[in-house]
């Protein structure tokens, strides 16, 4: 397995998925780095290119969510003299991107893979290991929530 080529081919997608979950540039970089570290330590070859990207997406999602679950992330407050990380400010994002980031993680992942990476719902089901009907339901739920957040006119444009 050529790690360098895999990194060059898939780093962008892995990083963007991590960023969708963490909503923070520094954390997304850490999570993406962890994903490729886990890839380097992997001792088995992939069966196909599809298996490789599915593994990377699954590990990126899990790694990002694990990072967010760590106790120090929820219990630690910055000292008063330290400013908050600028990477958490989403005011420069479009309304759509901000609305997608506001979705729950299970919906956000499906939306990201479908609309940003171009995977079909069947492919997302295969990648994530969830039933196809679950992925279709999550995409439907996400569309409804985005419609609530962005308003009726957004979907009609």
N, C-alpha and C. Protein backbone atom coordinates (compact mmCIF):
# COMPACT_ATOMS: atom_id res chain seq x y z
N UNK A 1 0.86 -1.18 0.00
CA UNK A 1 0.00 0.00 0.00
C UNK A 1 0.90 1.24 0.00
N UNK A 2 0.63 2.16 -0.90
CA UNK A 2 1.40 3.40 -1.00
C UNK A 2 0.67 4.50 -0.23
N UNK A 3 1.11 4.76 0.98
CA UNK A 3 0.45 5.73 1.87
C UNK A 3 0.46 7.13 1.25
N UNK A 4 1.57 7.50 0.63
CA UNK A 4 1.66 8.85 0.05
C UNK A 4 0.59 9.08 -1.00
N UNK A 5 0.42 8.12 -1.89
CA UNK A 5 -0.59 8.28 -2.95
C UNK A 5 -2.00 8.28 -2.38
N UNK A 6 -2.23 7.43 -1.40
CA UNK A 6 -3.54 7.40 -0.75
C UNK A 6 -3.80 8.75 -0.07
N UNK A 7 -2.81 9.27 0.59
CA UNK A 7 -2.93 10.57 1.26
C UNK A 7 -3.26 11.66 0.24
N UNK A 8 -2.53 11.70 -0.86
CA UNK A 8 -2.76 12.72 -1.90
C UNK A 8 -4.16 12.60 -2.49
N UNK A 9 -4.63 11.37 -2.70
CA UNK A 9 -5.95 11.16 -3.31
C UNK A 9 -7.09 11.51 -2.38
N UNK A 10 -6.94 11.20 -1.09
CA UNK A 10 -8.09 11.24 -0.21
C UNK A 10 -8.00 12.22 0.95
N UNK A 11 -6.89 12.92 1.12
CA UNK A 11 -6.79 13.81 2.28
C UNK A 11 -7.89 14.87 2.28
N UNK A 12 -8.17 15.47 1.13
CA UNK A 12 -9.19 16.52 1.07
C UNK A 12 -10.55 16.05 1.57
N UNK A 13 -10.98 14.90 1.12
CA UNK A 13 -12.28 14.37 1.53
C UNK A 13 -12.28 14.03 3.02
N UNK A 14 -11.21 13.41 3.49
CA UNK A 14 -11.11 13.05 4.91
C UNK A 14 -11.12 14.32 5.76
N UNK A 15 -10.34 15.30 5.39
CA UNK A 15 -10.27 16.55 6.16
C UNK A 15 -11.62 17.25 6.19
N UNK A 16 -12.29 17.35 5.04
CA UNK A 16 -13.59 18.03 4.99
C UNK A 16 -14.62 17.31 5.86
N UNK A 17 -14.60 15.99 5.85
CA UNK A 17 -15.53 15.24 6.69
C UNK A 17 -15.23 15.48 8.17
N UNK A 18 -13.96 15.49 8.52
CA UNK A 18 -13.57 15.78 9.91
C UNK A 18 -14.00 17.20 10.30
N UNK A 19 -13.84 18.14 9.39
CA UNK A 19 -14.23 19.53 9.66
C UNK A 19 -15.74 19.64 9.83
N UNK A 20 -16.51 18.89 9.06
CA UNK A 20 -17.96 18.90 9.21
C UNK A 20 -18.37 18.45 10.62
N UNK A 21 -17.63 17.50 11.16
CA UNK A 21 -17.97 17.00 12.50
C UNK A 21 -17.44 17.91 13.60
N UNK A 22 -16.19 18.31 13.50
CA UNK A 22 -15.57 19.05 14.60
C UNK A 22 -15.90 20.53 14.59
N UNK A 23 -16.19 21.08 13.41
CA UNK A 23 -16.48 22.51 13.24
C UNK A 23 -15.31 23.37 13.70
N UNK A 24 -14.12 22.82 13.62
CA UNK A 24 -12.95 23.52 14.11
C UNK A 24 -11.75 23.06 13.29
N UNK A 25 -11.03 24.00 12.69
CA UNK A 25 -9.93 23.68 11.80
C UNK A 25 -8.84 22.87 12.50
N UNK A 26 -8.44 23.29 13.68
CA UNK A 26 -7.37 22.59 14.39
C UNK A 26 -7.77 21.16 14.74
N UNK A 27 -8.99 20.97 15.22
CA UNK A 27 -9.46 19.63 15.55
C UNK A 27 -9.61 18.77 14.30
N UNK A 28 -10.07 19.37 13.22
CA UNK A 28 -10.20 18.62 11.96
C UNK A 28 -8.84 18.17 11.46
N UNK A 29 -7.85 19.03 11.57
CA UNK A 29 -6.50 18.66 11.17
C UNK A 29 -5.98 17.51 12.03
N UNK A 30 -6.21 17.58 13.34
CA UNK A 30 -5.79 16.51 14.24
C UNK A 30 -6.48 15.19 13.89
N UNK A 31 -7.79 15.26 13.67
CA UNK A 31 -8.55 14.05 13.36
C UNK A 31 -8.09 13.44 12.03
N UNK A 32 -7.90 14.28 11.02
CA UNK A 32 -7.44 13.78 9.72
C UNK A 32 -6.06 13.14 9.85
N UNK A 33 -5.20 13.77 10.63
CA UNK A 33 -3.87 13.21 10.86
C UNK A 33 -3.98 11.84 11.55
N UNK A 34 -4.88 11.72 12.51
CA UNK A 34 -5.09 10.45 13.19
C UNK A 34 -5.58 9.36 12.23
N UNK A 35 -6.45 9.76 11.30
CA UNK A 35 -6.96 8.79 10.33
C UNK A 35 -5.82 8.21 9.51
N UNK A 36 -4.93 9.06 9.03
CA UNK A 36 -3.83 8.57 8.20
C UNK A 36 -2.77 7.85 9.04
N UNK A 37 -2.67 8.18 10.30
CA UNK A 37 -1.80 7.42 11.20
C UNK A 37 -2.35 6.00 11.36
N UNK A 38 -3.67 5.89 11.54
CA UNK A 38 -4.30 4.58 11.65
C UNK A 38 -4.13 3.79 10.36
N UNK A 39 -4.18 4.48 9.24
CA UNK A 39 -3.96 3.83 7.95
C UNK A 39 -2.54 3.27 7.86
N UNK A 40 -1.58 4.04 8.32
CA UNK A 40 -0.18 3.59 8.29
C UNK A 40 0.01 2.34 9.15
N UNK A 41 -0.70 2.26 10.25
CA UNK A 41 -0.56 1.13 11.18
C UNK A 41 -1.37 -0.09 10.73
N UNK A 42 -2.24 0.11 9.77
CA UNK A 42 -3.08 -0.99 9.27
C UNK A 42 -2.19 -2.01 8.59
N UNK A 43 -2.39 -3.27 8.93
CA UNK A 43 -1.50 -4.31 8.39
C UNK A 43 -2.11 -5.11 7.24
N UNK A 44 -3.32 -4.78 6.84
CA UNK A 44 -3.97 -5.50 5.74
C UNK A 44 -4.15 -4.59 4.54
N UNK A 45 -4.13 -5.18 3.37
CA UNK A 45 -4.40 -4.45 2.13
C UNK A 45 -5.91 -4.32 1.96
N UNK A 46 -6.32 -3.34 1.21
CA UNK A 46 -7.74 -3.19 0.90
C UNK A 46 -8.09 -4.06 -0.29
N UNK A 47 -9.34 -4.52 -0.32
CA UNK A 47 -9.79 -5.37 -1.42
C UNK A 47 -9.93 -4.59 -2.72
N UNK A 48 -10.27 -3.30 -2.58
CA UNK A 48 -10.51 -2.46 -3.77
C UNK A 48 -10.38 -0.99 -3.37
N UNK A 49 -10.43 -0.13 -4.38
CA UNK A 49 -10.41 1.32 -4.12
C UNK A 49 -11.65 1.74 -3.34
N UNK A 50 -12.77 1.10 -3.62
CA UNK A 50 -14.02 1.41 -2.91
C UNK A 50 -13.90 1.03 -1.43
N UNK A 51 -13.28 -0.09 -1.17
CA UNK A 51 -13.06 -0.53 0.21
C UNK A 51 -12.16 0.47 0.94
N UNK A 52 -11.16 0.96 0.25
CA UNK A 52 -10.22 1.92 0.84
C UNK A 52 -10.93 3.20 1.24
N UNK A 53 -11.71 3.81 0.34
CA UNK A 53 -12.39 5.07 0.66
C UNK A 53 -13.47 4.84 1.71
N UNK A 54 -14.14 3.69 1.66
CA UNK A 54 -15.15 3.40 2.68
C UNK A 54 -14.50 3.32 4.06
N UNK A 55 -13.34 2.67 4.14
CA UNK A 55 -12.63 2.57 5.41
C UNK A 55 -12.21 3.95 5.89
N UNK A 56 -11.67 4.77 5.00
CA UNK A 56 -11.23 6.11 5.38
C UNK A 56 -12.39 6.96 5.89
N UNK A 57 -13.53 6.89 5.23
CA UNK A 57 -14.70 7.68 5.63
C UNK A 57 -15.21 7.21 6.99
N UNK A 58 -15.29 5.89 7.17
CA UNK A 58 -15.76 5.36 8.44
C UNK A 58 -14.82 5.77 9.58
N UNK A 59 -13.53 5.64 9.35
CA UNK A 59 -12.55 5.98 10.38
C UNK A 59 -12.54 7.49 10.64
N UNK A 60 -12.69 8.30 9.59
CA UNK A 60 -12.73 9.76 9.76
C UNK A 60 -13.93 10.17 10.62
N UNK A 61 -15.08 9.59 10.35
CA UNK A 61 -16.27 9.91 11.15
C UNK A 61 -16.09 9.50 12.60
N UNK A 62 -15.64 8.28 12.80
CA UNK A 62 -15.44 7.77 14.16
C UNK A 62 -14.39 8.57 14.92
N UNK A 63 -13.28 8.86 14.25
CA UNK A 63 -12.20 9.60 14.90
C UNK A 63 -12.66 11.00 15.29
N UNK A 64 -13.38 11.66 14.40
CA UNK A 64 -13.89 13.01 14.69
C UNK A 64 -14.85 13.00 15.87
N UNK A 65 -15.75 12.06 15.86
CA UNK A 65 -16.73 11.99 16.94
C UNK A 65 -16.07 11.61 18.26
N UNK A 66 -15.09 10.72 18.20
CA UNK A 66 -14.34 10.37 19.42
C UNK A 66 -13.63 11.60 19.99
N UNK A 67 -13.06 12.40 19.12
CA UNK A 67 -12.37 13.61 19.55
C UNK A 67 -13.34 14.53 20.28
N UNK A 68 -14.56 14.64 19.75
CA UNK A 68 -15.56 15.51 20.37
C UNK A 68 -16.07 14.95 21.70
N UNK A 69 -16.03 13.64 21.84
CA UNK A 69 -16.55 13.01 23.06
C UNK A 69 -15.57 13.05 24.22
N UNK A 70 -14.34 13.28 23.93
CA UNK A 70 -13.34 13.24 25.02
C UNK A 70 -13.72 14.22 26.12
N UNK A 71 -13.55 13.78 27.31
CA UNK A 71 -13.97 14.56 28.47
C UNK A 71 -13.34 15.94 28.53
N UNK A 72 -12.08 16.04 28.17
CA UNK A 72 -11.44 17.35 28.29
C UNK A 72 -12.05 18.38 27.36
N UNK A 73 -12.66 17.94 26.28
CA UNK A 73 -13.29 18.87 25.34
C UNK A 73 -14.52 19.52 25.95
N UNK A 74 -15.23 18.80 26.81
CA UNK A 74 -16.46 19.35 27.37
C UNK A 74 -16.24 19.99 28.74
N UNK A 75 -15.20 19.57 29.46
CA UNK A 75 -14.99 20.08 30.80
C UNK A 75 -13.98 21.22 30.88
N UNK A 76 -13.23 21.45 29.85
CA UNK A 76 -12.18 22.45 29.89
C UNK A 76 -12.70 23.81 29.41
N UNK A 77 -12.43 24.82 30.19
CA UNK A 77 -12.76 26.18 29.78
C UNK A 77 -11.47 26.94 29.61
N UNK A 78 -11.47 27.86 28.65
CA UNK A 78 -10.28 28.65 28.41
C UNK A 78 -10.11 29.68 29.52
N UNK A 79 -8.87 29.95 29.91
CA UNK A 79 -8.65 31.02 30.86
C UNK A 79 -9.16 32.35 30.27
N UNK A 80 -9.51 33.28 31.13
CA UNK A 80 -10.09 34.54 30.66
C UNK A 80 -9.18 35.30 29.71
N UNK A 81 -7.86 35.20 29.91
CA UNK A 81 -6.94 35.96 29.07
C UNK A 81 -6.72 35.31 27.69
N UNK A 82 -7.25 34.09 27.48
CA UNK A 82 -7.09 33.41 26.19
C UNK A 82 -8.34 33.59 25.36
N UNK A 83 -8.20 34.05 24.12
CA UNK A 83 -9.38 34.18 23.27
C UNK A 83 -9.84 32.81 22.77
N UNK A 84 -11.11 32.71 22.44
CA UNK A 84 -11.63 31.47 21.86
C UNK A 84 -11.00 31.25 20.49
N UNK A 85 -10.91 30.00 20.08
CA UNK A 85 -10.31 29.66 18.78
C UNK A 85 -11.17 30.23 17.66
N UNK A 86 -10.55 30.91 16.73
CA UNK A 86 -11.29 31.54 15.64
C UNK A 86 -11.92 30.52 14.71
N UNK A 87 -11.44 29.28 14.72
CA UNK A 87 -11.97 28.25 13.85
C UNK A 87 -13.41 27.85 14.18
N UNK A 88 -13.90 28.23 15.34
CA UNK A 88 -15.26 27.87 15.72
C UNK A 88 -16.27 28.93 15.30
N UNK A 89 -15.82 30.03 14.77
CA UNK A 89 -16.72 31.08 14.32
C UNK A 89 -17.17 30.79 12.90
N UNK A 90 -18.47 30.59 12.71
CA UNK A 90 -18.98 30.24 11.39
C UNK A 90 -19.70 31.41 10.71
N UNK A 91 -19.44 32.63 11.18
CA UNK A 91 -20.13 33.77 10.62
C UNK A 91 -19.76 34.02 9.17
N UNK A 92 -18.59 33.57 8.73
CA UNK A 92 -18.17 33.77 7.35
C UNK A 92 -18.72 32.72 6.39
N UNK A 93 -19.41 31.73 6.91
CA UNK A 93 -19.95 30.67 6.07
C UNK A 93 -21.25 31.11 5.43
N UNK A 94 -21.59 30.47 4.32
CA UNK A 94 -22.89 30.73 3.70
C UNK A 94 -23.98 30.21 4.62
N UNK A 95 -25.20 30.67 4.39
CA UNK A 95 -26.33 30.21 5.19
C UNK A 95 -26.49 28.70 5.09
N UNK A 96 -26.28 28.16 3.90
CA UNK A 96 -26.44 26.72 3.68
C UNK A 96 -25.39 25.94 4.47
N UNK A 97 -24.12 26.34 4.37
CA UNK A 97 -23.06 25.64 5.09
C UNK A 97 -23.29 25.72 6.59
N UNK A 98 -23.70 26.87 7.08
CA UNK A 98 -23.99 27.02 8.51
C UNK A 98 -25.14 26.12 8.94
N UNK A 99 -26.16 26.02 8.09
CA UNK A 99 -27.30 25.16 8.40
C UNK A 99 -26.90 23.69 8.41
N UNK A 100 -26.04 23.29 7.47
CA UNK A 100 -25.56 21.90 7.44
C UNK A 100 -24.75 21.60 8.69
N UNK A 101 -23.90 22.54 9.10
CA UNK A 101 -23.10 22.33 10.31
C UNK A 101 -23.96 22.23 11.56
N UNK A 102 -25.14 22.83 11.52
CA UNK A 102 -26.04 22.80 12.68
C UNK A 102 -26.80 21.48 12.80
N UNK A 103 -26.76 20.64 11.77
CA UNK A 103 -27.46 19.36 11.80
C UNK A 103 -26.80 18.40 12.79
N UNK A 104 -27.56 17.46 13.34
CA UNK A 104 -26.96 16.41 14.18
C UNK A 104 -25.95 15.60 13.34
N UNK A 105 -24.96 15.02 14.00
CA UNK A 105 -23.88 14.33 13.30
C UNK A 105 -24.37 13.24 12.35
N UNK A 106 -25.36 12.46 12.75
CA UNK A 106 -25.80 11.36 11.89
C UNK A 106 -26.43 11.90 10.60
N UNK A 107 -27.07 13.04 10.66
CA UNK A 107 -27.64 13.65 9.45
C UNK A 107 -26.56 14.37 8.64
N UNK A 108 -25.65 15.02 9.36
CA UNK A 108 -24.58 15.78 8.72
C UNK A 108 -23.69 14.89 7.86
N UNK A 109 -23.37 13.71 8.35
CA UNK A 109 -22.52 12.79 7.61
C UNK A 109 -23.19 12.38 6.30
N UNK A 110 -24.45 12.02 6.37
CA UNK A 110 -25.18 11.62 5.16
C UNK A 110 -25.25 12.78 4.16
N UNK A 111 -25.55 13.98 4.64
CA UNK A 111 -25.62 15.16 3.76
C UNK A 111 -24.27 15.44 3.13
N UNK A 112 -23.23 15.40 3.95
CA UNK A 112 -21.90 15.68 3.42
C UNK A 112 -21.52 14.68 2.33
N UNK A 113 -21.67 13.40 2.61
CA UNK A 113 -21.27 12.39 1.63
C UNK A 113 -22.12 12.47 0.37
N UNK A 114 -23.40 12.79 0.50
CA UNK A 114 -24.28 12.85 -0.67
C UNK A 114 -24.08 14.12 -1.49
N UNK A 115 -24.15 15.26 -0.85
CA UNK A 115 -24.14 16.52 -1.58
C UNK A 115 -22.75 17.09 -1.84
N UNK A 116 -21.81 16.84 -0.95
CA UNK A 116 -20.47 17.41 -1.12
C UNK A 116 -19.51 16.46 -1.81
N UNK A 117 -19.64 15.16 -1.53
CA UNK A 117 -18.73 14.17 -2.12
C UNK A 117 -19.37 13.42 -3.29
N UNK A 118 -20.69 13.56 -3.47
CA UNK A 118 -21.36 13.00 -4.64
C UNK A 118 -21.72 11.52 -4.56
N UNK A 119 -21.75 10.94 -3.38
CA UNK A 119 -22.12 9.53 -3.25
C UNK A 119 -23.64 9.37 -3.28
N UNK A 120 -24.09 8.27 -3.87
CA UNK A 120 -25.52 7.96 -3.85
C UNK A 120 -25.88 7.42 -2.47
N UNK A 121 -27.18 7.37 -2.18
CA UNK A 121 -27.59 6.86 -0.87
C UNK A 121 -27.20 5.38 -0.73
N UNK A 122 -27.24 4.62 -1.81
CA UNK A 122 -26.82 3.21 -1.76
C UNK A 122 -25.33 3.11 -1.45
N UNK A 123 -24.53 3.97 -2.05
CA UNK A 123 -23.08 3.96 -1.78
C UNK A 123 -22.80 4.37 -0.34
N UNK A 124 -23.52 5.35 0.17
CA UNK A 124 -23.34 5.78 1.55
C UNK A 124 -23.70 4.64 2.50
N UNK A 125 -24.76 3.92 2.19
CA UNK A 125 -25.15 2.78 3.01
C UNK A 125 -24.03 1.74 3.03
N UNK A 126 -23.45 1.49 1.88
CA UNK A 126 -22.36 0.51 1.81
C UNK A 126 -21.14 1.00 2.59
N UNK A 127 -20.81 2.29 2.47
CA UNK A 127 -19.65 2.86 3.16
C UNK A 127 -19.82 2.83 4.67
N UNK A 128 -20.99 3.25 5.14
CA UNK A 128 -21.21 3.40 6.57
C UNK A 128 -21.67 2.12 7.26
N UNK A 129 -22.19 1.18 6.48
CA UNK A 129 -22.69 -0.06 7.06
C UNK A 129 -24.12 0.04 7.57
N UNK A 130 -24.78 1.17 7.36
CA UNK A 130 -26.19 1.32 7.74
C UNK A 130 -27.07 0.84 6.59
N UNK A 131 -28.28 0.40 6.88
CA UNK A 131 -29.19 0.01 5.80
C UNK A 131 -29.49 1.18 4.86
N UNK A 132 -29.75 0.84 3.60
CA UNK A 132 -30.06 1.86 2.60
C UNK A 132 -31.26 2.70 3.04
N UNK A 133 -32.27 2.07 3.62
CA UNK A 133 -33.46 2.80 4.05
C UNK A 133 -33.12 3.81 5.15
N UNK A 134 -32.16 3.49 6.01
CA UNK A 134 -31.73 4.41 7.06
C UNK A 134 -31.09 5.65 6.46
N UNK A 135 -30.24 5.45 5.47
CA UNK A 135 -29.57 6.58 4.82
C UNK A 135 -30.59 7.45 4.09
N UNK A 136 -31.52 6.82 3.37
CA UNK A 136 -32.57 7.60 2.69
C UNK A 136 -33.37 8.40 3.71
N UNK A 137 -33.68 7.78 4.84
CA UNK A 137 -34.43 8.47 5.90
C UNK A 137 -33.64 9.64 6.47
N UNK A 138 -32.34 9.44 6.67
CA UNK A 138 -31.51 10.52 7.20
C UNK A 138 -31.42 11.69 6.23
N UNK A 139 -31.30 11.38 4.95
CA UNK A 139 -31.26 12.45 3.95
C UNK A 139 -32.59 13.20 3.92
N UNK A 140 -33.68 12.47 4.02
CA UNK A 140 -35.00 13.09 4.04
C UNK A 140 -35.17 13.96 5.28
N UNK A 141 -34.77 13.44 6.45
CA UNK A 141 -34.84 14.23 7.68
C UNK A 141 -33.98 15.49 7.59
N UNK A 142 -32.79 15.33 7.01
CA UNK A 142 -31.89 16.48 6.86
C UNK A 142 -32.51 17.55 5.98
N UNK A 143 -33.13 17.12 4.87
CA UNK A 143 -33.78 18.09 3.97
C UNK A 143 -34.88 18.85 4.70
N UNK A 144 -35.67 18.12 5.51
CA UNK A 144 -36.75 18.78 6.27
C UNK A 144 -36.18 19.79 7.26
N UNK A 145 -35.13 19.40 7.95
CA UNK A 145 -34.52 20.33 8.93
C UNK A 145 -33.91 21.53 8.23
N UNK A 146 -33.26 21.30 7.10
CA UNK A 146 -32.68 22.42 6.36
C UNK A 146 -33.78 23.35 5.85
N UNK A 147 -34.89 22.77 5.45
CA UNK A 147 -36.03 23.57 5.00
C UNK A 147 -36.55 24.44 6.14
N UNK A 148 -36.61 23.86 7.37
CA UNK A 148 -37.03 24.63 8.55
C UNK A 148 -36.06 25.76 8.85
N UNK A 149 -34.77 25.46 8.76
CA UNK A 149 -33.74 26.45 9.10
C UNK A 149 -33.67 27.55 8.05
N UNK A 150 -33.69 27.14 6.79
CA UNK A 150 -33.45 28.08 5.69
C UNK A 150 -34.73 28.67 5.11
N UNK A 151 -35.86 28.07 5.41
CA UNK A 151 -37.13 28.58 4.93
C UNK A 151 -37.58 27.92 3.63
N UNK A 152 -38.85 28.07 3.34
CA UNK A 152 -39.48 27.48 2.16
C UNK A 152 -38.85 27.96 0.86
N UNK A 153 -38.56 29.25 0.79
CA UNK A 153 -38.07 29.84 -0.46
C UNK A 153 -36.74 29.24 -0.91
N UNK A 154 -35.94 28.80 0.04
CA UNK A 154 -34.61 28.28 -0.31
C UNK A 154 -34.72 27.08 -1.24
N UNK A 155 -35.60 26.13 -0.92
CA UNK A 155 -35.71 24.92 -1.73
C UNK A 155 -36.41 25.17 -3.07
N UNK A 156 -37.13 26.25 -3.18
CA UNK A 156 -37.85 26.54 -4.41
C UNK A 156 -37.01 27.32 -5.42
N UNK A 157 -35.83 27.78 -5.02
CA UNK A 157 -35.00 28.57 -5.93
C UNK A 157 -34.29 27.71 -6.93
